[in-house]
Amino acid sequence: MTTGRLTTHALDTARGCGAAGLSVEVRRLSPTLAVLPGATLDEGGRAVLVAEGLEPGVYELAFHVADYHRAAGVDLPDPPFLDVIPIRFGVADAGAHYHVPLLISPYGYSTYRGG
């Protein structure tokens, strides 16, 4: 039986690099609420969030981008335009690899299902 996994990769488009040190929280919202172990992205801005045992349901990743930008020396307003970016998505196939990339800057972001 193939077991699915969940990964992410965040790129800082303003600085042109992986978002090393960016903190991400992981929650499965349905069918039952579960708070899963979060991660801090590695030097390339990557993390394996669920290595095995991915279950069908609705998930949410919460990327703490304001903290990341401040740690990188970016002068943000108070409150910042973007603080925590939530990305909510569905997992239909528990045996598949779900990759959620995030492109960030202090004033914008983009995401998609990667491979």
C-alpha atoms as a PDB file:
ATOM      1  CA  MET A   1       0.000   0.000   0.000  1.00  0.00           C
ATOM      2  CA  THR A   2       1.336   3.420  -0.958  1.00  0.00           C
ATOM      3  CA  THR A   3       1.202   5.998   1.777  1.00  0.00           C
ATOM      4  CA  GLY A   4       0.851   9.648   0.905  1.00  0.00           C
ATOM      5  CA  ARG A   5       2.919  12.543   2.108  1.00  0.00           C
ATOM      6  CA  LEU A   6       2.713  16.310   2.420  1.00  0.00           C
ATOM      7  CA  THR A   7       5.596  18.648   1.620  1.00  0.00           C
ATOM      8  CA  THR A   8       6.130  22.364   1.119  1.00  0.00           C
ATOM      9  CA  HIS A   9       8.683  24.709  -0.421  1.00  0.00           C
ATOM     10  CA  ALA A  10       8.591  28.465   0.169  1.00  0.00           C
ATOM     11  CA  LEU A  11      10.521  30.937  -1.955  1.00  0.00           C
ATOM     12  CA  ASP A  12      11.183  34.539  -0.958  1.00  0.00           C
ATOM     13  CA  THR A  13      10.690  36.333  -4.277  1.00  0.00           C
ATOM     14  CA  ALA A  14      11.834  39.702  -2.867  1.00  0.00           C
ATOM     15  CA  ARG A  15      15.223  38.306  -1.821  1.00  0.00           C
ATOM     16  CA  GLY A  16      15.512  35.606  -4.499  1.00  0.00           C
ATOM     17  CA  CYS A  17      16.063  32.641  -2.169  1.00  0.00           C
ATOM     18  CA  GLY A  18      14.396  29.838  -0.264  1.00  0.00           C
ATOM     19  CA  ALA A  19      12.555  31.045   2.831  1.00  0.00           C
ATOM     20  CA  ALA A  20      14.878  29.375   5.345  1.00  0.00           C
ATOM     21  CA  GLY A  21      13.573  29.614   8.903  1.00  0.00           C
ATOM     22  CA  LEU A  22       9.932  30.227   7.934  1.00  0.00           C
ATOM     23  CA  SER A  23       7.632  28.567  10.480  1.00  0.00           C
ATOM     24  CA  VAL A  24       4.578  26.615   9.320  1.00  0.00           C
ATOM     25  CA  GLU A  25       1.745  25.106  11.361  1.00  0.00           C
ATOM     26  CA  VAL A  26      -0.189  22.077  10.074  1.00  0.00           C
ATOM     27  CA  ARG A  27      -3.777  21.183  10.897  1.00  0.00           C
ATOM     28  CA  ARG A  28      -6.234  18.657   9.514  1.00  0.00           C
ATOM     29  CA  LEU A  29      -9.627  20.341   9.790  1.00  0.00           C
ATOM     30  CA  SER A  30     -11.833  17.437   8.699  1.00  0.00           C
ATOM     31  CA  PRO A  31     -13.136  14.833   9.050  1.00  0.00           C
ATOM     32  CA  THR A  32     -11.839  15.417  12.604  1.00  0.00           C
ATOM     33  CA  LEU A  33      -9.663  18.244  13.874  1.00  0.00           C
ATOM     34  CA  ALA A  34      -6.017  17.283  14.377  1.00  0.00           C
ATOM     35  CA  VAL A  35      -3.069  19.561  15.071  1.00  0.00           C
ATOM     36  CA  LEU A  36      -0.054  17.960  13.423  1.00  0.00           C
ATOM     37  CA  PRO A  37       3.603  18.712  14.080  1.00  0.00           C
ATOM     38  CA  GLY A  38       4.655  21.936  12.410  1.00  0.00           C
ATOM     39  CA  ALA A  39       8.010  22.686  10.861  1.00  0.00           C
ATOM     40  CA  THR A  40      10.645  25.323  10.322  1.00  0.00           C
ATOM     41  CA  LEU A  41      11.786  25.379   6.704  1.00  0.00           C
ATOM     42  CA  ASP A  42      15.359  24.273   6.003  1.00  0.00           C
ATOM     43  CA  GLU A  43      18.099  26.295   4.276  1.00  0.00           C
ATOM     44  CA  GLY A  44      16.454  25.709   0.892  1.00  0.00           C
ATOM     45  CA  GLY A  45      13.023  26.693   2.213  1.00  0.00           C
ATOM     46  CA  ARG A  46      11.712  23.100   2.206  1.00  0.00           C
ATOM     47  CA  ALA A  47      10.043  20.757   4.696  1.00  0.00           C
ATOM     48  CA  VAL A  48       8.366  17.380   4.827  1.00  0.00           C
ATOM     49  CA  LEU A  49       5.223  18.034   6.857  1.00  0.00           C
ATOM     50  CA  VAL A  50       3.659  14.555   6.816  1.00  0.00           C
ATOM     51  CA  ALA A  51       6.152  11.839   5.867  1.00  0.00           C
ATOM     52  CA  GLU A  52       3.651   8.982   5.941  1.00  0.00           C
ATOM     53  CA  GLY A  53       0.095   8.282   6.951  1.00  0.00           C
ATOM     54  CA  LEU A  54      -1.529  11.215   5.160  1.00  0.00           C
ATOM     55  CA  GLU A  55      -5.290  10.883   5.564  1.00  0.00           C
ATOM     56  CA  PRO A  56      -8.080  12.209   3.326  1.00  0.00           C
ATOM     57  CA  GLY A  57      -9.633  15.443   4.522  1.00  0.00           C
ATOM     58  CA  VAL A  58      -9.290  19.197   4.567  1.00  0.00           C
ATOM     59  CA  TYR A  59      -5.918  20.567   5.720  1.00  0.00           C
ATOM     60  CA  GLU A  60      -4.621  24.022   6.532  1.00  0.00           C
ATOM     61  CA  LEU A  61      -1.041  25.238   6.520  1.00  0.00           C
ATOM     62  CA  ALA A  62      -0.354  28.506   8.358  1.00  0.00           C
ATOM     63  CA  PHE A  63       2.862  30.220   7.235  1.00  0.00           C
ATOM     64  CA  HIS A  64       4.218  32.842   9.684  1.00  0.00           C
ATOM     65  CA  VAL A  65       5.552  35.231   7.057  1.00  0.00           C
ATOM     66  CA  ALA A  66       5.767  38.459   9.097  1.00  0.00           C
ATOM     67  CA  ASP A  67       8.018  36.775  11.665  1.00  0.00           C
ATOM     68  CA  TYR A  68      10.141  35.425   8.803  1.00  0.00           C
ATOM     69  CA  HIS A  69      10.484  38.847   7.127  1.00  0.00           C
ATOM     70  CA  ARG A  70      11.320  40.592  10.407  1.00  0.00           C
ATOM     71  CA  ALA A  71      14.027  37.997  11.150  1.00  0.00           C
ATOM     72  CA  ALA A  72      15.435  38.705   7.677  1.00  0.00           C
ATOM     73  CA  GLY A  73      15.696  42.419   8.549  1.00  0.00           C
ATOM     74  CA  VAL A  74      12.674  43.666   6.587  1.00  0.00           C
ATOM     75  CA  ASP A  75      11.109  46.782   8.134  1.00  0.00           C
ATOM     76  CA  LEU A  76       7.383  45.971   8.254  1.00  0.00           C
ATOM     77  CA  PRO A  77       4.542  48.260   9.298  1.00  0.00           C
ATOM     78  CA  ASP A  78       2.576  47.503  12.461  1.00  0.00           C
ATOM     79  CA  PRO A  79       0.406  45.620  11.819  1.00  0.00           C
ATOM     80  CA  PRO A  80       2.066  44.023   8.800  1.00  0.00           C
ATOM     81  CA  PHE A  81       0.117  43.714   5.557  1.00  0.00           C
ATOM     82  CA  LEU A  82       0.637  39.919   5.652  1.00  0.00           C
ATOM     83  CA  ASP A  83       1.187  38.265   9.022  1.00  0.00           C
ATOM     84  CA  VAL A  84       0.128  34.618   8.823  1.00  0.00           C
ATOM     85  CA  ILE A  85      -0.847  33.151   5.452  1.00  0.00           C
ATOM     86  CA  PRO A  86      -3.347  30.275   5.755  1.00  0.00           C
ATOM     87  CA  ILE A  87      -3.642  27.850   2.854  1.00  0.00           C
ATOM     88  CA  ARG A  88      -6.602  25.473   3.038  1.00  0.00           C
ATOM     89  CA  PHE A  89      -6.744  22.516   0.646  1.00  0.00           C
ATOM     90  CA  GLY A  90      -8.270  19.083   0.263  1.00  0.00           C
ATOM     91  CA  VAL A  91      -6.565  15.709   0.247  1.00  0.00           C
ATOM     92  CA  ALA A  92      -8.694  13.226  -1.700  1.00  0.00           C
ATOM     93  CA  ASP A  93      -6.081  10.530  -2.372  1.00  0.00           C
ATOM     94  CA  ALA A  94      -4.294   9.421   0.807  1.00  0.00           C
ATOM     95  CA  GLY A  95      -1.674   7.606  -1.299  1.00  0.00           C
ATOM     96  CA  ALA A  96      -0.611  10.672  -3.289  1.00  0.00           C
ATOM     97  CA  HIS A  97       2.152  13.209  -2.728  1.00  0.00           C
ATOM     98  CA  TYR A  98       0.701  16.642  -2.005  1.00  0.00           C
ATOM     99  CA  HIS A  99       3.250  19.419  -2.456  1.00  0.00           C
ATOM    100  CA  VAL A 100       2.194  22.962  -1.501  1.00  0.00           C
ATOM    101  CA  PRO A 101       4.664  25.591  -2.745  1.00  0.00           C
ATOM    102  CA  LEU A 102       4.437  29.187  -1.556  1.00  0.00           C
ATOM    103  CA  LEU A 103       5.981  32.260  -3.191  1.00  0.00           C
ATOM    104  CA  ILE A 104       6.186  35.194  -0.779  1.00  0.00           C
ATOM    105  CA  SER A 105       7.154  38.828  -0.489  1.00  0.00           C
ATOM    106  CA  PRO A 106       6.185  41.292   2.274  1.00  0.00           C
ATOM    107  CA  TYR A 107       3.131  42.377   0.238  1.00  0.00           C
ATOM    108  CA  GLY A 108       2.017  39.369  -1.773  1.00  0.00           C
ATOM    109  CA  TYR A 109       1.985  35.610  -2.169  1.00  0.00           C
ATOM    110  CA  SER A 110       1.060  32.851  -4.590  1.00  0.00           C
ATOM    111  CA  THR A 111       0.514  29.122  -4.212  1.00  0.00           C
ATOM    112  CA  TYR A 112      -0.426  26.095  -6.309  1.00  0.00           C
ATOM    113  CA  ARG A 113      -0.336  22.303  -6.145  1.00  0.00           C
ATOM    114  CA  GLY A 114       3.180  21.271  -7.039  1.00  0.00           C
ATOM    115  CA  GLY A 115       4.561  17.883  -7.906  1.00  0.00           C
END
